[in-house]
N, C-alpha and C. Protein backbone atom coordinates (compact mmCIF):
# COMPACT_ATOMS: atom_id res chain seq x y z
N MET A 1 -53.80 -1.29 41.27
CA MET A 1 -54.80 -1.49 42.31
C MET A 1 -55.94 -0.50 42.07
N LEU A 2 -57.14 -0.99 42.12
CA LEU A 2 -58.31 -0.16 41.89
C LEU A 2 -58.77 0.50 43.18
N ASN A 3 -59.27 1.71 43.03
CA ASN A 3 -59.81 2.43 44.17
C ASN A 3 -61.28 2.04 44.32
N PRO A 4 -61.68 1.39 45.40
CA PRO A 4 -63.06 0.94 45.54
C PRO A 4 -64.07 2.08 45.66
N GLY A 5 -63.63 3.30 45.94
CA GLY A 5 -64.55 4.42 46.08
C GLY A 5 -64.93 5.06 44.75
N ILE A 6 -64.26 4.68 43.67
CA ILE A 6 -64.56 5.26 42.36
C ILE A 6 -65.41 4.28 41.57
N ASP A 7 -66.56 4.73 41.11
CA ASP A 7 -67.42 3.85 40.33
C ASP A 7 -67.81 4.44 38.97
N GLU A 8 -67.37 5.64 38.66
CA GLU A 8 -67.71 6.27 37.39
C GLU A 8 -66.43 6.54 36.61
N TYR A 9 -66.00 5.55 35.86
CA TYR A 9 -64.75 5.69 35.11
C TYR A 9 -64.95 6.36 33.76
N ALA A 10 -66.18 6.56 33.34
CA ALA A 10 -66.46 7.17 32.04
C ALA A 10 -66.64 8.67 32.15
N LYS A 11 -66.29 9.25 33.27
CA LYS A 11 -66.41 10.70 33.46
C LYS A 11 -65.03 11.29 33.68
N ILE A 12 -64.87 12.51 33.23
CA ILE A 12 -63.64 13.24 33.45
C ILE A 12 -64.00 14.63 33.94
N LYS A 13 -63.25 15.12 34.89
CA LYS A 13 -63.53 16.44 35.45
C LYS A 13 -62.62 17.46 34.78
N VAL A 14 -63.22 18.50 34.21
CA VAL A 14 -62.50 19.59 33.57
C VAL A 14 -62.93 20.87 34.24
N GLY A 15 -62.05 21.45 35.04
CA GLY A 15 -62.42 22.63 35.80
C GLY A 15 -63.51 22.28 36.80
N LEU A 16 -64.61 23.02 36.75
CA LEU A 16 -65.73 22.75 37.65
C LEU A 16 -66.75 21.80 37.04
N LYS A 17 -66.59 21.48 35.75
CA LYS A 17 -67.57 20.64 35.05
C LYS A 17 -67.09 19.20 34.97
N SER A 18 -68.05 18.28 34.90
CA SER A 18 -67.76 16.87 34.63
C SER A 18 -68.29 16.53 33.25
N LEU A 19 -67.44 15.92 32.44
CA LEU A 19 -67.84 15.51 31.10
C LEU A 19 -68.20 14.04 31.12
N ASP A 20 -69.35 13.69 30.58
CA ASP A 20 -69.77 12.29 30.53
C ASP A 20 -69.10 11.58 29.37
N ASP A 21 -68.96 10.28 29.50
CA ASP A 21 -68.46 9.41 28.44
C ASP A 21 -67.13 9.89 27.89
N ALA A 22 -66.17 10.06 28.74
CA ALA A 22 -64.82 10.44 28.31
C ALA A 22 -64.11 9.19 27.82
N VAL A 23 -64.12 8.99 26.51
CA VAL A 23 -63.54 7.80 25.91
C VAL A 23 -62.46 8.23 24.93
N LEU A 24 -61.32 7.58 25.00
CA LEU A 24 -60.20 7.88 24.11
C LEU A 24 -60.19 6.89 22.97
N SER A 25 -60.16 7.38 21.76
CA SER A 25 -60.08 6.53 20.59
C SER A 25 -58.61 6.37 20.22
N LEU A 26 -58.02 5.23 20.54
CA LEU A 26 -56.59 5.04 20.31
C LEU A 26 -56.24 4.96 18.84
N GLY A 27 -57.17 4.61 17.99
CA GLY A 27 -56.91 4.52 16.57
C GLY A 27 -56.63 5.86 15.91
N SER A 28 -56.99 6.96 16.55
CA SER A 28 -56.79 8.27 15.96
C SER A 28 -55.36 8.77 16.09
N PHE A 29 -54.49 8.05 16.82
CA PHE A 29 -53.12 8.49 17.04
C PHE A 29 -52.10 7.58 16.35
N ARG A 30 -52.44 7.05 15.21
CA ARG A 30 -51.50 6.18 14.50
C ARG A 30 -50.35 6.97 13.91
N LYS A 31 -50.60 8.21 13.49
CA LYS A 31 -49.56 9.03 12.90
C LYS A 31 -49.07 10.02 13.95
N ILE A 32 -47.88 9.77 14.46
CA ILE A 32 -47.31 10.66 15.46
C ILE A 32 -45.98 11.17 14.92
N ASN A 33 -45.85 12.47 14.84
CA ASN A 33 -44.60 13.08 14.44
C ASN A 33 -43.89 13.52 15.72
N HIS A 34 -42.75 12.92 15.99
CA HIS A 34 -42.04 13.21 17.24
C HIS A 34 -41.49 14.63 17.29
N ASN A 35 -41.49 15.33 16.17
CA ASN A 35 -41.04 16.72 16.15
C ASN A 35 -42.05 17.66 16.80
N TYR A 36 -43.30 17.21 16.98
CA TYR A 36 -44.33 18.08 17.54
C TYR A 36 -43.98 18.56 18.94
N GLY A 37 -43.18 17.81 19.67
CA GLY A 37 -42.78 18.21 21.01
C GLY A 37 -41.45 18.94 21.05
N ASP A 38 -40.86 19.16 19.88
CA ASP A 38 -39.57 19.83 19.79
C ASP A 38 -39.76 21.34 19.64
N LYS A 39 -39.26 22.08 20.61
CA LYS A 39 -39.45 23.54 20.63
C LYS A 39 -38.86 24.20 19.38
N ASN A 40 -37.67 23.77 18.96
CA ASN A 40 -37.03 24.36 17.77
C ASN A 40 -37.83 24.10 16.50
N PHE A 41 -38.44 22.91 16.40
CA PHE A 41 -39.28 22.59 15.25
C PHE A 41 -40.46 23.56 15.17
N ILE A 42 -41.10 23.81 16.29
CA ILE A 42 -42.26 24.70 16.34
C ILE A 42 -41.84 26.14 16.04
N LEU A 43 -40.72 26.59 16.63
CA LEU A 43 -40.26 27.96 16.38
C LEU A 43 -39.87 28.16 14.92
N ASN A 44 -39.25 27.15 14.30
CA ASN A 44 -38.92 27.24 12.88
C ASN A 44 -40.18 27.32 12.02
N ALA A 45 -41.19 26.57 12.38
CA ALA A 45 -42.46 26.62 11.63
C ALA A 45 -43.09 28.01 11.76
N ILE A 46 -43.00 28.60 12.93
CA ILE A 46 -43.53 29.96 13.13
C ILE A 46 -42.74 30.95 12.29
N ASN A 47 -41.42 30.85 12.33
CA ASN A 47 -40.58 31.78 11.56
C ASN A 47 -40.79 31.65 10.05
N ARG A 48 -41.06 30.42 9.58
CA ARG A 48 -41.29 30.20 8.15
C ARG A 48 -42.72 30.48 7.74
N HIS A 49 -43.57 30.81 8.70
CA HIS A 49 -45.01 31.01 8.45
C HIS A 49 -45.62 29.76 7.81
N ASP A 50 -45.20 28.61 8.33
CA ASP A 50 -45.68 27.31 7.83
C ASP A 50 -46.99 26.96 8.55
N TYR A 51 -48.06 27.54 8.05
CA TYR A 51 -49.36 27.42 8.71
C TYR A 51 -49.92 26.00 8.66
N SER A 52 -49.62 25.25 7.62
CA SER A 52 -50.13 23.88 7.55
C SER A 52 -49.50 23.01 8.64
N THR A 53 -48.20 23.17 8.89
CA THR A 53 -47.55 22.42 9.96
C THR A 53 -48.07 22.84 11.32
N LEU A 54 -48.22 24.14 11.52
CA LEU A 54 -48.73 24.64 12.81
C LEU A 54 -50.16 24.17 13.06
N ARG A 55 -50.97 24.12 12.02
CA ARG A 55 -52.34 23.63 12.17
C ARG A 55 -52.35 22.13 12.50
N GLU A 56 -51.45 21.39 11.86
CA GLU A 56 -51.36 19.95 12.12
C GLU A 56 -50.92 19.68 13.56
N VAL A 57 -49.94 20.43 14.05
CA VAL A 57 -49.48 20.29 15.43
C VAL A 57 -50.60 20.66 16.40
N SER A 58 -51.30 21.75 16.11
CA SER A 58 -52.39 22.19 16.96
C SER A 58 -53.50 21.14 17.01
N LYS A 59 -53.83 20.59 15.85
CA LYS A 59 -54.88 19.56 15.78
C LYS A 59 -54.48 18.33 16.57
N TYR A 60 -53.21 17.93 16.45
CA TYR A 60 -52.74 16.75 17.18
C TYR A 60 -52.88 16.95 18.69
N PHE A 61 -52.40 18.08 19.20
CA PHE A 61 -52.47 18.31 20.65
C PHE A 61 -53.91 18.48 21.14
N TYR A 62 -54.77 19.06 20.31
CA TYR A 62 -56.18 19.19 20.71
C TYR A 62 -56.82 17.80 20.80
N GLU A 63 -56.54 16.93 19.81
CA GLU A 63 -57.11 15.59 19.83
C GLU A 63 -56.54 14.76 20.98
N ALA A 64 -55.27 15.01 21.30
CA ALA A 64 -54.63 14.22 22.37
C ALA A 64 -55.08 14.65 23.76
N SER A 65 -55.31 15.94 23.97
CA SER A 65 -55.59 16.41 25.33
C SER A 65 -56.96 17.08 25.49
N GLY A 66 -57.54 17.54 24.39
CA GLY A 66 -58.81 18.25 24.48
C GLY A 66 -58.63 19.69 24.91
N ILE A 67 -57.40 20.12 25.04
CA ILE A 67 -57.10 21.49 25.44
C ILE A 67 -56.49 22.21 24.26
N TYR A 68 -56.97 23.40 24.00
CA TYR A 68 -56.47 24.14 22.85
C TYR A 68 -55.51 25.18 23.29
C-alpha cells in the first residue's frame, strides 16, 4: 500500500541531509559471496592479513549500503 503523503521517492535521507536521485543499480550485485556476512570468515581474513579479501568485502558493503 502506498503512502499518499509521500511524493518524492527518488530522495533518501542520510542524517540531516537529503540525497537526490537515490537509485540502486541492481546489476552491480551479481557476484555475492555469502561468506561476507560470516564473522569467522572476516576474522580469519584479518588474522591472515588478507587485504584483498578485506578490501573486496569493504567495497561490497559500501556499494550495498553507502556506509563505510
